Protein backbone atom coordinates (compact mmCIF):
# COMPACT_ATOMS: atom_id res chain seq x y z
CA MET A 1 89.04 76.48 25.56
CA ASP A 2 87.36 73.51 23.90
CA TYR A 3 85.21 71.76 26.50
CA ARG A 4 84.56 68.54 24.62
CA LYS A 5 82.28 66.06 26.31
CA GLN A 6 81.67 62.68 24.78
CA VAL A 7 78.04 61.68 24.87
CA SER A 8 77.40 57.96 24.83
CA PRO A 9 73.93 57.31 23.47
CA SER A 10 72.11 54.65 25.46
CA PRO A 11 72.75 51.40 23.57
CA THR A 12 69.15 50.37 24.14
CA GLY A 13 67.49 53.62 23.15
CA GLU A 14 65.97 56.37 25.23
CA ASP A 15 63.71 54.48 27.62
CA ASP A 16 63.69 50.84 26.54
CA PRO A 17 65.50 48.77 29.21
CA PRO A 18 66.81 45.37 28.09
CA VAL A 19 64.60 42.42 28.95
CA GLU A 20 66.23 39.81 31.18
CA SER A 21 63.56 37.16 31.45
CA PHE A 22 60.36 35.90 29.89
CA LYS A 23 58.38 37.25 32.87
CA GLN A 24 59.82 40.71 32.35
CA ALA A 25 59.25 40.41 28.64
CA PHE A 26 55.61 39.52 29.12
CA ARG A 27 55.05 42.37 31.59
CA SER A 28 56.83 44.82 29.32
CA THR A 29 55.20 43.88 26.05
CA GLU A 30 52.37 46.40 26.16
CA ALA A 31 54.63 49.29 27.12
CA GLU A 32 57.65 48.35 25.09
CA LEU A 33 56.36 46.87 21.87
CA PRO A 34 53.17 46.44 19.95
CA LEU A 35 52.00 42.84 19.79
CA TYR A 36 53.06 42.51 16.18
CA LEU A 37 55.27 40.14 14.28
CA HIS A 38 58.74 41.35 13.28
CA THR A 39 60.04 40.41 9.85
CA ARG A 40 63.55 41.26 8.82
CA GLU A 41 64.08 43.14 5.56
CA PRO A 42 67.27 43.96 3.62
CA LYS A 43 69.69 46.68 4.67
CA GLY A 44 68.82 46.70 8.36
CA ARG A 45 65.13 47.51 7.86
CA ARG A 46 62.26 45.75 9.63
CA ARG A 47 58.58 46.29 8.98
CA TRP A 48 56.19 46.08 11.92
CA GLN A 49 53.00 44.53 10.65
CA LYS A 50 49.66 44.36 12.38
CA GLY A 51 47.40 41.37 11.81
CA ALA A 52 45.28 38.68 13.39
CA PHE A 53 47.94 36.01 12.98
CA ALA A 54 50.55 38.20 14.63
CA ALA A 55 48.17 38.99 17.48
CA LEU A 56 47.49 35.29 18.12
CA LEU A 57 51.19 34.55 18.24
CA ALA A 58 52.08 37.64 20.23
CA ILE A 59 52.31 36.08 23.67
CA CYS A 60 54.44 33.12 22.67
CA LEU A 61 56.64 35.36 20.51
CA ALA A 62 57.00 38.11 23.11
CA THR A 63 60.42 37.04 24.28
CA LEU A 64 61.68 36.53 20.74
CA SER A 65 60.25 39.85 19.58
CA LEU A 66 61.77 41.75 22.44
CA ARG A 67 65.10 40.07 21.86
CA ILE A 68 65.05 41.12 18.23
CA HIS A 69 64.09 44.65 19.31
CA ALA A 70 66.86 44.84 21.90
CA GLN A 71 69.32 43.34 19.43
CA SER A 72 68.61 46.03 16.90
CA GLN A 73 69.02 48.71 19.55
CA THR A 74 72.37 47.45 20.82
CA GLN A 75 74.08 47.91 17.47
CA LEU A 76 77.22 49.97 17.86
CA ARG A 77 76.75 53.67 17.27
CA ASN A 78 79.31 56.26 16.37
CA PRO A 79 80.43 58.38 19.33
CA ALA A 80 78.63 61.69 19.82
CA TYR A 81 80.15 64.82 21.35
CA LEU A 82 78.73 67.91 23.00
CA ILE A 83 81.05 70.89 22.64
CA GLU A 84 80.84 73.71 25.19
CA ALA A 85 82.66 76.93 24.36
CA GLU A 86 83.05 80.47 25.63
CA HIS A 87 83.92 82.48 22.52
CA GLY A 88 82.76 80.67 19.40
CA ALA A 89 81.99 77.27 17.93
CA ILE A 90 81.46 75.51 14.64
CA ALA A 91 79.72 72.26 13.77
CA THR A 92 80.63 70.50 10.53
CA GLU A 93 80.37 66.90 9.38
CA ASN A 94 84.13 66.31 9.75
CA LYS A 95 86.37 67.00 12.77
CA ARG A 96 89.24 68.29 10.60
CA CYS A 97 86.95 70.91 9.14
CA SER A 98 85.51 71.97 12.49
CA ASP A 99 89.08 72.43 13.75
CA ILE A 100 90.00 74.48 10.68
CA GLY A 101 87.00 76.73 11.32
CA VAL A 102 87.90 77.25 14.98
CA ALA A 103 91.50 78.09 14.01
CA VAL A 104 90.09 80.91 11.84
CA LEU A 105 87.98 82.19 14.76
CA LYS A 106 91.01 82.16 17.07
CA GLU A 107 92.98 84.26 14.57
CA GLY A 108 90.34 86.97 14.64
CA GLY A 109 88.21 85.77 11.79
CA ASN A 110 84.45 85.98 12.10
CA ALA A 111 81.72 83.39 11.55
CA VAL A 112 81.66 83.99 7.80
CA ASP A 113 85.42 83.47 7.54
CA ALA A 114 85.21 80.29 9.60
CA ALA A 115 82.33 78.94 7.53
CA ILE A 116 84.13 79.62 4.24
CA SER A 117 87.32 77.89 5.32
CA ALA A 118 85.45 74.95 6.85
CA VAL A 119 83.32 74.43 3.75
CA PHE A 120 86.40 74.39 1.52
CA CYS A 121 87.70 71.69 3.88
CA VAL A 122 84.55 69.58 3.60
CA GLY A 123 84.92 69.76 -0.17
CA VAL A 124 88.39 68.27 0.19
CA VAL A 125 87.88 65.44 2.68
CA ASN A 126 84.16 64.69 2.25
CA MET A 127 84.00 65.31 -1.48
CA PHE A 128 81.07 62.91 -1.77
CA SER A 129 78.90 65.59 -0.06
CA SER A 130 80.25 68.93 -1.11
CA GLY A 131 82.81 70.76 -3.20
CA ILE A 132 83.44 73.66 -5.54
CA GLY A 133 81.75 71.71 -8.32
CA GLY A 134 78.40 72.24 -6.57
CA GLY A 135 76.36 75.00 -4.96
CA GLY A 136 74.12 75.80 -2.04
CA PHE A 137 72.57 78.38 0.28
CA MET A 138 73.82 80.44 3.22
CA THR A 139 71.97 82.32 5.96
CA VAL A 140 74.04 84.97 7.77
CA ARG A 141 73.14 86.85 10.95
CA ILE A 142 74.79 90.25 11.36
CA PRO A 143 74.56 91.13 15.07
CA PRO A 144 73.33 94.54 16.25
CA SER A 145 75.91 97.27 15.83
CA SER A 146 74.85 99.08 18.99
CA GLU A 147 73.13 98.42 22.30
CA GLY A 148 69.41 98.08 21.73
CA GLY A 149 69.78 97.67 17.98
CA SER A 150 68.46 94.77 15.98
CA SER A 151 70.27 92.19 13.94
CA GLU A 152 70.06 91.80 10.18
CA VAL A 153 69.80 88.38 8.59
CA TYR A 154 70.55 87.71 4.93
CA THR A 155 70.51 84.73 2.63
CA ILE A 156 72.86 84.04 -0.25
CA ASP A 157 71.52 81.76 -2.98
CA PHE A 158 74.37 80.16 -4.91
CA ARG A 159 72.33 77.22 -6.15
CA GLU A 160 73.47 75.58 -9.38
CA THR A 161 71.53 76.70 -12.45
CA ALA A 162 70.44 74.97 -15.65
CA PRO A 163 72.79 75.65 -18.60
CA GLY A 164 71.61 78.03 -21.30
CA LEU A 165 70.86 75.22 -23.75
CA SER A 166 68.54 73.42 -21.32
CA ASN A 167 64.91 72.76 -22.10
CA SER A 168 61.95 71.14 -20.34
CA THR A 169 62.07 67.90 -22.36
CA MET A 170 65.83 67.28 -22.32
CA TYR A 171 65.52 64.12 -20.19
CA LYS A 172 62.31 62.75 -21.64
CA ASP A 173 63.99 59.95 -23.63
CA ASP A 174 66.53 59.10 -20.93
CA PRO A 175 65.65 60.28 -17.39
CA THR A 176 68.88 58.75 -16.01
CA ALA A 177 70.86 61.37 -17.95
CA ALA A 178 69.74 63.84 -15.26
CA ARG A 179 71.61 61.80 -12.67
CA TRP A 180 74.91 60.68 -14.18
CA GLY A 181 77.20 62.15 -16.81
CA GLY A 182 77.76 65.58 -18.30
CA LEU A 183 74.12 66.33 -19.03
CA ALA A 184 73.33 66.07 -15.31
CA ILE A 185 75.62 68.96 -14.36
CA GLY A 186 74.25 72.35 -13.39
CA VAL A 187 76.37 75.51 -13.49
CA PRO A 188 78.37 75.44 -10.19
CA GLY A 189 77.75 78.36 -7.84
CA GLU A 190 79.74 77.57 -4.72
CA ILE A 191 82.80 79.72 -5.45
CA ARG A 192 80.65 82.72 -6.39
CA GLY A 193 78.65 82.27 -3.18
CA LEU A 194 81.75 82.10 -1.02
CA GLN A 195 83.18 85.11 -2.83
CA GLU A 196 80.05 87.18 -2.20
CA ALA A 197 79.91 86.30 1.49
CA HIS A 198 83.59 87.16 1.91
CA ARG A 199 83.24 90.42 -0.03
CA ARG A 200 80.38 91.58 2.17
CA TRP A 201 81.37 90.34 5.61
CA GLY A 202 84.75 88.59 5.65
CA LYS A 203 87.63 89.88 7.81
CA LEU A 204 90.63 87.67 7.10
CA PRO A 205 92.30 87.58 3.66
CA TRP A 206 90.75 85.24 1.11
CA ALA A 207 94.00 83.32 0.67
CA ARG A 208 94.16 82.61 4.41
CA LEU A 209 90.79 80.84 4.18
CA VAL A 210 91.54 78.78 1.09
CA GLN A 211 95.25 77.87 1.12
CA PRO A 212 95.20 75.60 4.21
CA ASN A 213 92.66 73.46 2.39
CA ALA A 214 94.81 73.37 -0.72
CA ASP A 215 97.62 72.08 1.49
CA LEU A 216 95.29 69.52 3.05
CA ALA A 217 94.18 68.27 -0.38
CA ALA A 218 97.80 67.49 -1.26
CA GLU A 219 97.84 64.68 1.33
CA TRP A 220 95.78 63.44 4.24
CA THR A 221 94.47 60.13 5.58
CA VAL A 222 91.11 58.61 4.74
CA ASP A 223 88.54 59.22 7.47
CA LYS A 224 85.92 56.67 8.55
CA GLU A 225 83.04 58.26 6.65
CA LEU A 226 84.96 58.61 3.38
CA ALA A 227 86.07 54.97 3.64
CA ARG A 228 82.43 53.95 4.05
CA ARG A 229 81.31 55.93 1.01
CA LEU A 230 84.16 54.64 -1.13
CA GLN A 231 83.10 51.08 -0.42
CA MET A 232 79.50 51.95 -1.27
CA PHE A 233 80.57 53.26 -4.69
CA SER A 234 83.51 50.95 -5.35
CA GLY A 235 81.95 49.47 -8.50
CA SER A 236 81.59 52.83 -10.23
CA ILE A 237 84.95 54.12 -9.03
CA LEU A 238 87.00 51.07 -9.98
CA SER A 239 85.64 51.15 -13.53
CA ASN A 240 86.71 54.76 -14.19
CA ASP A 241 90.37 55.76 -14.57
CA ASP A 242 89.63 59.37 -13.58
CA TRP A 243 88.59 58.12 -10.15
CA THR A 244 90.95 55.21 -9.55
CA ALA A 245 94.00 57.46 -9.79
CA ILE A 246 92.86 59.13 -6.56
CA PHE A 247 90.72 56.63 -4.71
CA ALA A 248 92.24 53.31 -5.80
CA PRO A 249 95.85 54.04 -6.82
CA GLU A 250 96.90 50.43 -6.23
CA GLY A 251 93.89 48.89 -7.95
CA ARG A 252 91.82 48.58 -4.77
CA MET A 253 89.75 51.08 -2.82
CA LEU A 254 91.61 53.07 -0.19
CA LEU A 255 90.79 52.12 3.39
CA GLU A 256 90.40 54.15 6.56
CA GLY A 257 93.74 55.53 7.75
CA GLU A 258 95.50 55.20 4.40
CA ILE A 259 97.09 58.18 2.66
CA ILE A 260 95.04 59.90 -0.03
CA ARG A 261 96.20 62.64 -2.39
CA ARG A 262 94.11 64.96 -4.56
CA THR A 263 97.10 66.61 -6.21
CA ASN A 264 95.34 68.42 -9.05
CA TYR A 265 92.52 69.57 -6.80
CA SER A 266 95.18 70.97 -4.47
CA ARG A 267 96.63 72.94 -7.38
CA THR A 268 93.17 74.22 -8.32
CA LEU A 269 92.54 75.44 -4.78
CA SER A 270 95.97 77.10 -4.68
CA ALA A 271 95.12 79.01 -7.84
CA ILE A 272 91.77 80.09 -6.36
CA ALA A 273 93.59 81.16 -3.17
CA SER A 274 96.28 83.23 -4.89
CA GLU A 275 94.42 84.57 -7.94
CA GLY A 276 90.92 84.90 -6.53
CA PRO A 277 87.54 83.25 -7.17
CA ALA A 278 87.26 84.52 -10.75
CA VAL A 279 89.76 81.93 -12.02
CA PHE A 280 87.13 79.26 -11.52
CA TYR A 281 84.75 80.91 -13.96
CA LYS A 282 87.08 82.14 -16.70
CA GLY A 283 90.46 80.87 -17.87
CA PRO A 284 92.25 77.49 -17.86
CA ILE A 285 90.25 76.04 -14.95
CA ALA A 286 86.94 76.97 -16.57
CA ASP A 287 88.13 75.68 -19.94
CA SER A 288 89.03 72.32 -18.44
CA ILE A 289 85.68 72.00 -16.67
CA ILE A 290 83.76 72.71 -19.87
CA ARG A 291 85.87 70.28 -21.91
CA LYS A 292 85.13 67.49 -19.45
CA ILE A 293 81.42 68.27 -19.25
CA GLN A 294 81.02 68.32 -23.02
CA ALA A 295 83.13 65.18 -23.44
CA THR A 296 80.73 63.35 -21.14
CA GLY A 297 77.60 64.47 -22.96
CA GLY A 298 76.92 67.83 -21.34
CA ILE A 299 75.69 71.10 -22.89
CA MET A 300 77.29 73.66 -20.57
CA THR A 301 79.38 76.39 -22.19
CA ASN A 302 82.05 78.80 -21.04
CA GLY A 303 79.41 81.51 -21.21
CA ASP A 304 77.28 79.65 -18.67
CA LEU A 305 80.16 79.63 -16.21
CA GLU A 306 81.26 83.20 -16.83
CA ASN A 307 77.74 84.62 -16.47
CA TYR A 308 76.75 82.79 -13.28
CA THR A 309 75.42 85.15 -10.56
CA VAL A 310 74.35 84.72 -6.94
CA LYS A 311 71.23 86.12 -5.29
CA VAL A 312 71.36 88.02 -1.99
CA ASP A 313 68.22 88.90 -0.04
CA HIS A 314 66.92 89.45 3.47
CA ALA A 315 66.10 86.07 4.97
CA LEU A 316 62.60 84.67 4.97
CA GLN A 317 61.31 85.46 8.46
CA GLY A 318 58.73 83.81 10.68
CA THR A 319 58.09 83.10 14.34
CA TYR A 320 57.80 79.93 16.38
CA ARG A 321 56.47 80.26 19.92
CA ASP A 322 58.79 82.81 21.57
CA LYS A 323 61.43 82.70 18.83
CA LYS A 324 62.21 84.52 15.58
CA VAL A 325 63.06 82.16 12.73
CA TYR A 326 65.16 83.20 9.72
CA THR A 327 65.53 80.80 6.83
CA SER A 328 66.05 80.60 3.08
CA HIS A 329 63.55 81.51 0.36
CA ALA A 330 62.22 79.36 -2.48
CA PRO A 331 63.48 77.35 -4.31
CA THR A 332 64.63 75.92 -0.95
CA SER A 333 62.26 74.32 1.53
CA GLY A 334 62.51 77.25 3.94
CA PRO A 335 58.80 78.07 3.47
CA VAL A 336 57.99 74.44 4.32
CA LEU A 337 59.99 74.60 7.55
CA LEU A 338 57.99 77.64 8.67
CA HIS A 339 54.74 75.95 7.64
CA ILE A 340 55.46 72.89 9.80
CA LEU A 341 56.49 75.03 12.79
CA ASN A 342 53.36 77.18 12.36
CA ILE A 343 51.20 74.06 12.56
CA LEU A 344 53.00 72.58 15.56
CA GLU A 345 52.94 75.72 17.69
CA ARG A 346 49.16 75.31 17.93
CA TYR A 347 49.73 72.42 20.34
CA ASP A 348 51.07 72.47 23.89
CA LEU A 349 53.96 70.22 22.92
CA ILE A 350 56.45 71.53 25.46
CA SER A 351 54.46 70.69 28.59
CA GLU A 352 53.04 67.46 27.13
CA GLY A 353 56.47 66.17 26.14
CA ARG A 354 57.64 63.57 23.62
CA THR A 355 54.55 61.39 23.60
CA GLY A 356 53.26 59.09 20.90
CA LEU A 357 50.44 61.55 20.22
CA ASN A 358 52.85 64.44 19.72
CA ILE A 359 55.09 62.44 17.42
CA HIS A 360 51.94 61.57 15.45
CA ARG A 361 51.10 65.28 15.26
CA PHE A 362 54.59 66.00 14.00
CA ILE A 363 54.25 63.35 11.28
CA GLU A 364 50.91 64.78 10.19
CA ALA A 365 52.41 68.28 10.00
CA LEU A 366 55.36 66.85 8.07
CA LYS A 367 53.03 65.22 5.54
CA PHE A 368 51.23 68.51 4.98
CA GLY A 369 54.70 70.08 4.65
CA PHE A 370 55.62 67.68 1.87
CA ALA A 371 52.35 68.47 0.13
CA ALA A 372 53.18 72.19 0.31
CA ARG A 373 56.68 71.51 -0.98
CA THR A 374 55.27 70.13 -4.24
CA LYS A 375 54.00 73.63 -5.03
CA ILE A 376 57.40 75.37 -4.77
CA GLY A 377 59.66 76.35 -7.67
CA ASP A 378 62.20 79.01 -8.68
CA LEU A 379 60.19 82.20 -8.33
CA PRO A 380 61.21 83.99 -11.56
CA TYR A 381 60.05 80.93 -13.51
CA VAL A 382 56.78 80.20 -11.71
CA THR A 383 53.98 81.88 -13.67
CA ASN A 384 51.35 83.34 -11.33
CA GLY A 385 52.88 81.32 -8.50
CA THR A 386 54.45 83.99 -6.31
CA ALA A 387 51.37 84.41 -4.13
CA ARG A 388 50.94 80.65 -3.79
CA ILE A 389 54.50 80.18 -2.57
CA ALA A 390 54.36 83.26 -0.32
CA GLU A 391 51.31 81.97 1.57
CA ILE A 392 52.98 78.68 2.55
CA SER A 393 55.00 80.30 5.35
CA THR A 394 52.10 82.32 6.79
CA LYS A 395 50.17 81.70 10.00
CA ALA A 396 46.87 81.96 8.13
CA PHE A 397 47.80 79.12 5.80
CA ALA A 398 48.82 76.97 8.77
CA ASP A 399 45.55 77.76 10.52
CA ALA A 400 43.58 76.56 7.52
CA VAL A 401 45.65 73.40 7.10
CA ALA A 402 45.64 72.55 10.81
CA LEU A 403 41.86 72.10 10.74
CA ASN A 404 42.53 68.90 8.82
CA LEU A 405 44.89 67.34 11.36
CA THR A 406 43.41 64.41 13.25
CA ASP A 407 44.77 63.10 16.54
CA ASP A 408 43.30 59.63 16.20
CA CYS A 409 44.49 58.55 12.75
CA THR A 410 46.66 59.23 9.74
CA HIS A 411 45.48 59.37 6.12
CA PRO A 412 46.47 58.33 2.58
CA PRO A 413 48.66 60.76 0.58
CA GLU A 414 45.83 62.36 -1.41
CA TYR A 415 44.31 63.64 1.86
CA TYR A 416 47.19 66.10 2.16
CA ASN A 417 46.61 67.49 -1.34
CA PRO A 418 50.06 67.12 -2.92
CA GLU A 419 50.19 68.17 -6.54
CA PHE A 420 53.21 66.31 -7.84
CA ASP A 421 56.30 64.26 -7.09
CA VAL A 422 58.92 64.58 -4.36
CA LYS A 423 62.56 64.36 -5.45
CA ILE A 424 65.19 62.73 -3.23
CA ASP A 425 68.87 63.67 -2.92
CA HIS A 426 71.68 62.75 -0.54
CA GLY A 427 75.01 64.42 -1.41
CA THR A 428 74.77 67.45 0.86
CA SER A 429 76.69 68.99 3.77
CA HIS A 430 75.75 71.53 6.44
CA THR A 431 77.90 73.82 8.62
CA SER A 432 76.74 76.00 11.53
CA VAL A 433 78.90 78.70 13.17
CA VAL A 434 78.64 81.44 15.79
CA ASP A 435 81.49 83.78 16.77
CA LYS A 436 82.27 85.85 19.86
CA ASP A 437 80.32 88.86 18.55
CA GLY A 438 77.16 86.92 17.82
CA MET A 439 77.59 86.73 14.07
CA ALA A 440 76.14 83.41 12.99
CA VAL A 441 76.10 81.38 9.79
CA ALA A 442 74.00 78.45 8.64
CA PHE A 443 75.56 77.12 5.45
CA THR A 444 74.34 74.20 3.33
CA THR A 445 76.27 73.05 0.27
CA THR A 446 75.59 70.19 -2.09
CA VAL A 447 76.62 68.20 -5.14
CA ASN A 448 73.14 66.58 -5.02
CA LEU A 449 73.58 62.79 -5.05
CA ILE A 450 76.60 61.17 -3.37
CA PHE A 451 79.66 61.97 -5.53
CA GLY A 452 77.38 64.13 -7.70
CA SER A 453 77.25 63.25 -11.39
CA MET A 454 80.20 60.83 -11.04
CA VAL A 455 82.06 63.14 -13.43
CA LEU A 456 85.55 64.04 -12.18
CA ASP A 457 87.65 66.42 -14.25
CA PRO A 458 91.16 64.93 -13.93
CA GLU A 459 92.94 68.17 -14.89
CA THR A 460 91.40 70.26 -12.10
CA GLY A 461 90.45 67.44 -9.72
CA ILE A 462 86.92 68.88 -9.43
CA ILE A 463 83.97 66.54 -8.88
CA LEU A 464 80.92 67.97 -10.61
CA ASN A 465 77.35 68.03 -9.34
CA ASP A 466 74.27 66.33 -10.76
CA GLU A 467 71.92 69.08 -9.67
CA MET A 468 69.87 68.79 -12.85
CA ASP A 469 68.36 65.67 -11.27
CA ASP A 470 66.55 67.98 -8.83
CA PHE A 471 64.40 69.15 -11.75
CA SER A 472 61.33 67.17 -12.73
CA VAL A 473 61.15 65.21 -15.99
CA PRO A 474 57.98 65.96 -17.99
CA GLY A 475 55.93 62.93 -18.87
CA SER A 476 57.99 60.58 -16.70
CA PRO A 477 56.78 59.42 -13.27
CA ASN A 478 59.36 58.88 -10.58
CA GLY A 479 60.12 55.58 -8.87
CA PHE A 480 56.96 55.82 -6.77
CA GLY A 481 54.70 56.35 -9.79
CA LEU A 482 54.20 60.07 -9.09
CA TRP A 483 53.91 62.43 -12.00
CA PRO A 484 56.26 65.43 -12.23
CA SER A 485 55.77 69.04 -11.22
CA PRO A 486 55.50 71.70 -13.96
CA TYR A 487 56.79 74.20 -11.37
CA ASN A 488 60.13 72.42 -11.47
CA TYR A 489 60.86 71.64 -15.14
CA PRO A 490 64.36 72.59 -16.39
CA GLU A 491 64.68 75.90 -18.21
CA PRO A 492 67.75 78.00 -19.13
CA GLY A 493 69.17 79.66 -16.02
CA LYS A 494 66.56 78.15 -13.69
CA ARG A 495 67.41 76.86 -10.21
CA PRO A 496 65.89 73.52 -9.19
CA LEU A 497 63.84 72.91 -6.06
CA SER A 498 65.98 72.19 -3.00
CA SER A 499 65.32 70.48 0.34
CA THR A 500 67.90 72.61 2.14
CA ILE A 501 66.92 74.97 4.98
CA PRO A 502 69.93 76.81 6.49
CA THR A 503 68.23 78.44 9.46
CA ILE A 504 69.07 80.88 12.25
CA ILE A 505 66.76 81.34 15.23
CA GLU A 506 66.80 84.23 17.70
CA ASN A 507 65.14 84.68 21.05
CA PHE A 508 62.34 87.21 20.94
CA ASP A 509 64.61 89.85 22.50
CA GLY A 510 66.83 89.53 19.40
CA SER A 511 69.66 87.56 21.01
CA PHE A 512 71.13 84.57 19.19
CA TYR A 513 69.61 81.17 19.97
CA LEU A 514 70.40 78.61 17.26
CA SER A 515 72.14 78.02 13.92
CA ILE A 516 70.94 74.80 12.35
CA GLY A 517 70.59 72.88 9.11
CA GLY A 518 71.15 69.48 7.68
CA SER A 519 71.85 67.14 4.81
CA GLY A 520 69.89 64.18 3.53
CA GLY A 521 67.63 65.44 0.76
CA GLY A 522 63.93 65.38 1.51
CA ARG A 523 64.64 64.29 5.10
CA ILE A 524 66.33 67.58 5.99
CA PHE A 525 63.45 69.75 7.16
CA GLY A 526 61.77 66.94 9.12
CA ALA A 527 65.04 66.17 10.90
CA VAL A 528 65.64 69.84 11.72
CA VAL A 529 62.13 70.26 13.12
CA GLN A 530 62.62 67.20 15.36
CA VAL A 531 65.88 68.65 16.71
CA ILE A 532 64.07 71.94 17.45
CA LEU A 533 61.33 70.01 19.28
CA ASN A 534 63.92 68.04 21.24
CA LEU A 535 65.52 71.29 22.37
CA ASP A 536 62.07 72.47 23.49
CA TRP A 537 61.78 69.23 25.46
CA GLY A 538 64.91 70.07 27.44
CA MET A 539 67.59 68.07 25.64
CA ASP A 540 71.05 69.52 25.12
CA VAL A 541 71.97 70.10 21.49
CA SER A 542 73.90 66.84 21.11
CA ALA A 543 71.12 64.74 22.64
CA ALA A 544 68.60 66.60 20.48
CA ILE A 545 70.53 65.64 17.35
CA GLU A 546 71.27 62.06 18.41
CA SER A 547 67.71 61.22 19.41
CA GLY A 548 65.84 58.74 17.22
CA ARG A 549 63.80 60.27 14.38
CA VAL A 550 60.82 59.38 12.25
CA HIS A 551 60.21 60.35 8.62
CA ASP A 552 57.19 60.32 6.31
CA GLN A 553 57.27 61.97 2.88
CA LEU A 554 53.87 60.72 1.62
CA TYR A 555 55.44 58.21 -0.75
CA PRO A 556 56.37 55.42 -0.16
CA LEU A 557 53.48 54.65 2.19
CA GLU A 558 55.53 54.29 5.37
CA VAL A 559 57.00 56.00 8.37
CA ASP A 560 60.73 55.27 8.44
CA ALA A 561 61.87 55.16 12.09
CA ASP A 562 65.34 54.95 13.58
CA ASP A 563 65.77 51.75 15.54
CA ILE A 564 66.32 53.67 18.80
CA VAL A 565 62.85 55.25 18.74
CA PRO A 566 61.12 53.88 21.85
CA GLY A 567 58.77 50.99 21.22
CA ALA A 568 55.95 52.73 23.10
CA ILE A 569 56.02 55.57 20.57
CA LEU A 570 56.03 53.16 17.63
CA ASN A 571 53.11 51.31 19.20
CA SER A 572 51.19 54.57 19.48
CA LEU A 573 51.86 55.39 15.83
CA ILE A 574 50.75 51.96 14.64
CA GLU A 575 47.51 52.31 16.59
CA ARG A 576 46.87 55.49 14.60
CA GLY A 577 47.32 53.68 11.29
CA HIS A 578 50.96 54.48 10.46
CA ASN A 579 52.86 51.83 8.52
CA ILE A 580 56.18 51.62 10.38
CA THR A 581 59.51 50.51 8.96
CA VAL A 582 62.37 50.41 11.48
CA SER A 583 65.82 51.16 10.08
CA ASP A 584 69.39 50.95 11.33
CA ILE A 585 70.44 54.20 13.02
CA ASN A 586 73.79 53.99 11.21
CA ARG A 587 72.30 54.05 7.69
CA VAL A 588 72.81 57.01 5.38
CA ALA A 589 69.91 59.32 6.26
CA ALA A 590 69.42 62.88 7.49
CA VAL A 591 72.35 64.51 9.30
CA VAL A 592 72.06 67.70 11.38
CA GLN A 593 74.69 70.17 12.60
CA ALA A 594 73.81 72.88 15.12
CA VAL A 595 75.25 75.56 17.40
CA THR A 596 73.18 77.10 20.18
CA LYS A 597 73.65 79.58 23.02
CA LYS A 598 72.17 79.15 26.47
CA ASP A 599 72.86 81.02 29.71
CA GLY A 600 75.81 82.80 28.15
CA ARG A 601 77.53 79.60 27.00
CA ILE A 602 77.86 78.27 23.46
CA PHE A 603 77.10 74.62 22.74
CA ALA A 604 77.72 72.84 19.45
CA ALA A 605 77.20 69.34 18.12
CA SER A 606 77.69 67.47 14.87
CA ASP A 607 75.63 64.41 13.98
CA SER A 608 77.31 61.10 14.77
CA ARG A 609 75.33 59.54 11.91
CA LYS A 610 78.01 60.97 9.61
CA ASN A 611 80.87 60.75 12.11
CA GLY A 612 80.94 64.52 12.58
CA ILE A 613 82.52 66.31 15.54
CA ALA A 614 82.10 70.01 16.30
CA ALA A 615 84.74 72.31 17.80
CA GLY A 616 84.86 75.47 19.90
CA TYR A 617 87.09 77.64 22.05
């Protein structure tokens, strides 16, 4: 049975009551807000600035400031749901896809089957995030086969790779070519990854997992999140006939609730369902993909597609307090996740709670995490770098780094010893699943930026990734003036650095605790850590995901905070020197999906920031 409970986030945040009078405002100012002047900035962002002038005006502006603060926190939020289940549950970024995954579980499919079918669904209805033109990473927990046995946890790396004709200077003259057009496209790995997972662990027939999504692609109605993304990209879509045929068939962008058809994509999925995954990599579908890529300036060949391979390995393992943590290897940010957790477990965060000091400690650990991330690359291509990357996830490395954390202040970026730039991406999707036997999957797929390379092959209906933008461009600083990383230059067959961290956590007795991951580029691992901390602080999984977050990636020089983060916490951060920018909770940022088990019951939640709803039975 699906025990779905709607959670209504407090419209005024977690512990910021609305102010009803000037007297209340004056009394509340110290606890609720710093005595700083608010200035509105574009796109729902406000910077909280400290200064003598603001301090002098603080008392007379207290009521106004608090009104602005309350106003920002009463913006409408998407509904959030906590799913309680007995047998199994799945959390995706789209309700249709969560329901498709649960239908597979009810028919006797396992967590891998459910994840495969759900991810195909996300590629249909939320094609701006995911699809068979992209790639990703999967972490799979195989439960113990006997009483007293131990589980096995594997990762599958089906990250897109650089085409065989790639070289380290291919974007030197035009860095934007790594973002849009055929030259931005890496060799897609998603179908090979799904095939490998199904071959090893799947129970239901392949066609059963794929065909329902082919049928869905033939016709459905535009969901709220797709409608939002279409409006965001209307300029690019309306100027390209390949896209207007699907998304603007009457010369205007489709709106929420209107019928949408991806007819050729439906045919492509039907062929993959009936003939198997190989048809994507060799034959008419592959030929069409390569023609489109080369016609739009790309260098990929049929040989690149045909020779693509996945990597399967035991998961990267660590511990956090009384838990076992399994996550993905480099070139993902799995080592960074473990590094941050290793730093934070040195503090008594659980008993102290969600204080301003502990949020400051998290931010400091996050900044050291971003510094460590600049040293990661695809292992086979990192000369003499294996030991450097391997140490990032160790307790000893965290012990050495933690000596530099200060409780009273933050520091400029160079203090954290980053070596090079930090890339940002947004077109990603995460799915978490657990079944009745305790098999669990954490599954992150991506086309990199929203709508990938903006290259749509009209014959197959496939939207192709722009994963080459995750490589660094030699000799070209990024938008923040940071110089690139030689660990992450493009080379033939190389996989670019990724922010993804599909993670499974067990209790120390080996029982399943949590499947978690997220989307949102460089914000992913910070968001996931904050959800883990919120669970430690006693929140249910939906509340843990919905809670306001903070983010600092060294550059730009700011902490980006959701506008529901309590004012007292922001005040504490400002006192420690953090430069705070408050942003609308409904903006496009990090999104987390998670499934957990507690006291014999399964709980699942999808992030309302992307209008997701989980499902269970």
